[in-house]
Protein backbone atom coordinates (compact mmCIF):
# COMPACT_ATOMS: atom_id res chain seq x y z
CA MET A 1 -13.25 9.63 9.19
CA ALA A 2 -16.41 11.41 6.86
CA ALA A 3 -18.74 10.46 9.88
CA ARG A 4 -16.80 13.02 11.90
CA GLY A 5 -16.48 16.05 9.56
CA ALA A 6 -13.45 15.69 8.24
CA ARG A 7 -12.67 16.14 4.27
CA VAL A 8 -11.87 13.00 2.93
CA VAL A 9 -9.66 12.67 0.26
CA MET A 10 -9.54 9.02 -1.05
CA ALA A 11 -6.33 7.81 -3.41
CA CYS A 12 -7.40 5.58 -5.55
CA ARG A 13 -6.57 3.56 -8.43
CA ASP A 14 -9.85 2.42 -9.81
CA LEU A 15 -11.63 5.95 -10.42
CA THR A 16 -14.95 4.39 -11.25
CA ARG A 17 -14.62 2.08 -8.16
CA ALA A 18 -13.47 5.03 -5.99
CA GLU A 19 -16.20 7.32 -6.97
CA ALA A 20 -18.96 4.73 -6.23
CA ALA A 21 -17.74 4.53 -3.20
CA ALA A 22 -16.73 7.85 -2.26
CA GLU A 23 -20.50 8.47 -3.33
CA HIS A 24 -21.85 5.70 -0.89
CA VAL A 25 -19.64 7.40 1.69
CA ARG A 26 -21.54 10.80 1.17
CA GLN A 27 -24.63 9.34 1.38
CA ALA A 28 -24.10 6.98 4.49
CA THR A 29 -22.60 10.27 6.47
CA GLY A 30 -23.99 13.05 5.01
CA ASN A 31 -20.69 14.84 4.24
CA GLY A 32 -20.44 15.95 0.35
CA ASN A 33 -16.50 16.77 1.53
CA VAL A 34 -15.11 13.43 0.35
CA VAL A 35 -13.45 13.81 -3.00
CA ILE A 36 -11.31 10.96 -5.18
CA ARG A 37 -8.15 11.78 -6.73
CA HIS A 38 -5.89 8.80 -9.30
CA LEU A 39 -3.18 7.04 -7.38
CA ASP A 40 -0.83 3.87 -8.43
CA LEU A 41 1.27 2.84 -5.49
CA ALA A 42 3.05 0.50 -8.64
CA SER A 43 3.83 3.83 -10.49
CA MET A 44 6.11 6.16 -8.74
CA PHE A 45 5.73 8.73 -11.51
CA SER A 46 1.86 8.69 -10.05
CA VAL A 47 2.79 8.73 -6.72
CA ARG A 48 4.83 12.36 -7.38
CA GLN A 49 2.04 13.49 -9.46
CA PHE A 50 -0.77 12.51 -6.78
CA ALA A 51 1.74 14.15 -4.37
CA LYS A 52 2.35 17.26 -6.27
CA ASP A 53 -1.54 17.51 -7.11
CA PHE A 54 -2.29 17.27 -3.54
CA LEU A 55 0.58 19.59 -2.09
CA ASP A 56 -0.74 22.12 -4.27
CA SER A 57 -4.45 22.11 -3.75
CA GLU A 58 -5.04 21.09 0.01
CA ASP A 59 -4.69 23.23 2.69
CA ARG A 60 -3.23 20.71 5.42
CA LEU A 61 -3.30 16.98 5.97
CA ASP A 62 -3.98 15.85 9.37
CA ILE A 63 -4.23 11.64 8.67
CA LEU A 64 -2.34 10.09 5.99
CA ILE A 65 -3.68 6.38 6.34
CA ASN A 66 -1.36 4.05 4.05
CA ASN A 67 -3.95 1.78 3.49
CA ALA A 68 -3.35 -0.02 -0.19
CA GLY A 69 -2.22 -3.58 -0.80
CA VAL A 70 -1.65 -6.13 -2.46
CA MET A 71 -1.43 -10.02 -1.01
CA MET A 72 0.32 -12.89 -2.45
CA CYS A 73 0.29 -11.99 -6.23
CA PRO A 74 2.36 -13.67 -8.84
CA LYS A 75 5.70 -12.31 -9.53
CA TRP A 76 4.60 -9.25 -11.35
CA MET A 77 7.33 -6.37 -11.93
CA THR A 78 6.21 -2.53 -12.29
CA GLU A 79 7.15 -0.38 -14.60
CA ASP A 80 9.78 0.93 -12.04
CA GLY A 81 11.53 -2.74 -12.45
CA PHE A 82 10.14 -3.15 -9.04
CA GLU A 83 8.48 -6.54 -7.63
CA THR A 84 5.08 -5.48 -7.20
CA GLN A 85 4.21 -6.85 -3.36
CA LEU A 86 7.08 -4.96 -2.22
CA ALA A 87 6.46 -1.85 -4.74
CA VAL A 88 2.59 -1.37 -3.95
CA ASN A 89 2.86 -2.44 -0.30
CA HIS A 90 6.12 -0.28 0.77
CA LEU A 91 8.03 1.92 -1.94
CA GLY A 92 4.87 3.65 -2.79
CA HIS A 93 3.56 4.62 0.79
CA PHE A 94 7.31 5.27 1.22
CA LEU A 95 7.50 7.46 -1.24
CA LEU A 96 3.70 9.22 -0.37
CA THR A 97 4.49 9.56 3.14
CA ASN A 98 8.10 11.42 2.05
CA LEU A 99 6.82 13.30 -0.39
CA LEU A 100 3.46 14.63 1.99
CA LEU A 101 5.87 15.56 4.89
CA PRO A 102 5.79 18.78 4.23
CA LYS A 103 1.45 19.50 4.69
CA LEU A 104 2.01 16.99 7.37
CA ARG A 105 5.13 18.97 9.43
CA SER A 106 2.24 22.16 8.68
CA SER A 107 -0.50 20.35 9.91
CA THR A 108 1.02 19.07 13.37
CA PRO A 109 -0.56 17.51 15.42
CA SER A 110 -0.77 14.92 12.63
CA ARG A 111 -0.53 11.06 12.51
CA VAL A 112 0.66 8.66 9.79
CA VAL A 113 -0.96 5.13 10.00
CA THR A 114 0.14 2.46 8.02
CA VAL A 115 -1.54 -1.10 7.80
CA SER A 116 1.09 -3.48 8.15
CA SER A 117 0.33 -7.32 9.25
CA ILE A 118 0.79 -10.06 11.20
CA ALA A 119 2.34 -11.71 8.75
CA HIS A 120 5.45 -9.49 9.36
CA LYS A 121 6.32 -12.36 12.37
CA GLY A 122 9.01 -14.39 10.39
CA GLY A 123 9.50 -12.07 7.80
CA ARG A 124 13.04 -11.18 6.56
CA ILE A 125 14.33 -8.11 4.83
CA ASP A 126 17.09 -9.68 1.94
CA LEU A 127 18.84 -6.02 0.68
CA ASP A 128 20.85 -7.87 -1.32
CA ASP A 129 17.42 -9.37 -3.60
CA LEU A 130 14.71 -7.48 -2.48
CA PHE A 131 12.83 -8.21 -5.77
CA PHE A 132 14.08 -11.88 -6.26
CA SER A 133 15.74 -11.56 -9.00
CA CYS A 134 18.53 -14.25 -7.35
CA ARG A 135 16.27 -16.74 -5.00
CA PRO A 136 13.00 -18.47 -5.96
CA TYR A 137 10.09 -16.28 -5.85
CA SER A 138 7.88 -16.95 -3.27
CA PRO A 139 4.36 -15.30 -3.23
CA LEU A 140 4.36 -15.68 0.67
CA VAL A 141 7.68 -14.84 1.53
CA SER A 142 7.13 -11.67 -1.00
CA TYR A 143 4.46 -10.53 1.08
CA GLN A 144 5.99 -11.09 4.87
CA GLN A 145 8.81 -9.10 3.53
CA SER A 146 6.30 -6.14 2.18
CA LYS A 147 4.47 -6.32 5.77
CA LEU A 148 7.83 -6.19 7.91
CA ALA A 149 9.00 -3.67 5.46
CA ASN A 150 5.76 -1.77 6.85
CA VAL A 151 6.79 -1.93 10.66
CA LEU A 152 10.23 -1.01 10.02
CA PHE A 153 9.24 1.59 8.24
CA THR A 154 6.88 3.14 11.09
CA ARG A 155 9.89 2.76 13.44
CA GLU A 156 12.22 4.46 11.16
CA LEU A 157 9.87 7.09 10.27
CA ALA A 158 9.05 7.74 13.73
CA ARG A 159 12.34 8.15 15.26
CA ARG A 160 13.19 10.72 12.35
CA LEU A 161 9.93 12.76 13.03
CA SER A 162 10.97 12.75 16.95
CA GLY A 163 9.63 16.28 18.73
CA SER A 164 8.10 17.17 15.47
CA GLY A 165 4.39 16.97 15.82
CA VAL A 166 3.80 14.26 13.45
CA SER A 167 3.70 10.58 15.04
CA ALA A 168 3.42 7.20 13.26
CA PHE A 169 1.87 4.60 13.71
CA CYS A 170 1.76 0.73 11.66
CA LEU A 171 -1.30 -2.06 12.77
CA HIS A 172 -2.51 -5.34 12.18
CA PRO A 173 -5.96 -4.66 11.25
CA GLY A 174 -6.94 -8.50 11.58
CA VAL A 175 -8.57 -11.42 9.14
CA ILE A 176 -11.19 -9.26 6.70
CA ARG A 177 -13.50 -10.40 4.30
CA THR A 178 -12.13 -8.50 1.38
CA GLU A 179 -11.01 -9.30 -1.93
CA LEU A 180 -7.12 -8.97 -0.77
CA GLY A 181 -7.16 -12.62 -0.83
CA ARG A 182 -7.76 -13.23 -4.28
CA HIS A 183 -4.74 -14.61 -5.08
CA VAL A 184 -3.91 -17.35 -2.38
CA GLU A 185 -6.08 -19.69 -4.10
CA GLY A 186 -3.48 -20.30 -7.17
CA TRP A 187 -0.74 -20.72 -4.77
CA PHE A 188 -2.36 -22.47 -2.10
CA PRO A 189 -5.57 -24.19 -3.24
CA LEU A 190 -6.07 -25.76 0.50
CA LEU A 191 -5.81 -22.48 1.85
CA GLY A 192 -8.05 -20.76 -0.78
CA ALA A 193 -10.98 -23.33 -0.20
CA LEU A 194 -10.49 -23.13 4.07
CA LEU A 195 -10.90 -19.09 3.00
CA SER A 196 -14.07 -19.68 1.33
CA LEU A 197 -16.11 -21.90 3.86
CA PRO A 198 -18.73 -20.34 5.83
CA SER A 199 -16.93 -20.79 9.10
CA LEU A 200 -14.70 -18.49 8.48
CA LEU A 201 -17.72 -15.70 8.63
CA LEU A 202 -15.94 -15.66 11.89
CA MET A 203 -13.78 -13.22 9.72
CA LYS A 204 -13.61 -9.40 10.62
CA THR A 205 -16.33 -7.39 8.36
CA PRO A 206 -14.44 -4.45 6.37
CA HIS A 207 -16.16 -2.38 9.56
CA GLN A 208 -14.45 -4.23 12.16
CA GLY A 209 -11.50 -4.46 10.00
CA CYS A 210 -11.16 -0.83 9.83
CA GLN A 211 -11.17 -0.39 13.80
CA THR A 212 -7.59 -0.16 14.55
CA THR A 213 -6.51 1.92 11.81
CA ILE A 214 -9.24 4.09 13.53
CA HIS A 215 -7.87 4.06 16.87
CA CYS A 216 -4.45 4.87 15.31
CA ALA A 217 -5.56 7.36 13.47
CA VAL A 218 -7.71 9.68 15.74
CA ALA A 219 -7.68 8.43 19.31
CA PRO A 220 -6.23 10.44 22.10
CA GLY A 221 -2.69 11.01 23.67
CA LEU A 222 -1.11 8.09 21.28
CA GLU A 223 1.92 10.42 20.91
CA GLU A 224 4.06 8.88 23.18
CA LEU A 225 3.82 5.56 21.61
CA SER A 226 5.05 6.86 17.74
CA GLY A 227 6.80 4.21 16.06
CA ARG A 228 4.49 0.97 17.82
CA TYR A 229 2.80 -1.57 16.38
CA PHE A 230 -1.19 -2.46 17.32
CA SER A 231 -3.42 -4.90 16.79
CA ASP A 232 -7.16 -4.83 18.25
CA CYS A 233 -6.90 -0.74 19.27
CA VAL A 234 -3.98 -1.94 21.49
CA GLU A 235 -0.16 -1.48 21.09
CA LYS A 236 1.23 -5.21 21.11
CA GLU A 237 5.21 -5.94 20.62
CA ALA A 238 6.26 -6.59 17.13
CA ALA A 239 8.13 -9.29 16.28
CA PRO A 240 11.90 -9.16 16.68
CA GLU A 241 12.47 -8.69 12.86
CA GLY A 242 10.15 -5.72 13.62
CA ARG A 243 12.24 -4.03 16.07
CA ASP A 244 15.86 -4.24 14.33
CA ASP A 245 16.95 -0.40 14.54
CA LEU A 246 19.88 -0.65 12.40
CA MET A 247 17.80 -2.62 9.57
CA ALA A 248 14.96 -0.04 9.62
CA LEU A 249 18.14 2.68 8.88
CA LYS A 250 19.17 -0.10 5.99
CA LEU A 251 15.77 -0.62 4.71
CA TRP A 252 14.81 3.43 4.65
CA GLU A 253 18.29 3.88 2.93
CA GLU A 254 17.65 1.63 0.25
CA SER A 255 14.30 2.73 -0.39
CA ALA A 256 15.32 6.04 -0.82
CA ARG A 257 17.99 5.36 -3.60
CA LEU A 258 15.40 2.99 -5.00
CA VAL A 259 12.59 5.37 -5.52
CA GLN A 260 14.90 8.68 -6.23
CA LEU A 261 14.09 10.37 -2.93
CA HIS A 262 16.77 12.70 -2.10
CA ASP A 263 15.32 14.77 0.83
CA SER A 264 14.29 12.35 3.05
CA CYS A 265 13.27 13.58 6.46
């Protein structure tokens, strides 16, 4: 985005690492218009504060990329009483997107791009026990639920924004060599060992892994595919669970209740 001349606002939890990354981007692209702002998606207070500051200070928002996430972490609960994977991967992005919709609407044509995962396949939304209060906690089941929530959120968002000039897309970025899988070894030692093998240098680099995100953000003519799921820069069919319009609506309503969003789109 910076190389294309965009003003880039990096919303990050760790400002020290964020500034190092931002400076790397500035140097690599020659674009000094790259700024960082604090955002902790595990905190709905932080999400609301970030959104307020952004709306007050920025003139427009052409592309919102919901990229942050955690994967298969232990059962941690956030300050709001939410299970961490669903909070960070879905609820934080759900609230952030809704709060930034006024700026997206005034900047049309604009896009919302949410990074999901192929792990949504086999996922299940348990509306009666989203946070594993009753059922045994499984880091994988929780991750799958959160990634399915990304797909359903995108589908319902696109339905609600039809005709508004704001498009929504979700995607599987591929298996990428990042720190996202740092919790995997603790739960599945064999899988963790496999992920560390040199043979898995076939995993995508971060540069390769962001290509589908970039495609959804800037490729022309995608508007008629709003609400769809992409992988390897082409539209793919989401799992049947990700095409359930009734569940998408129910999840939206429950998410709005949980984050106390009273005026969703």
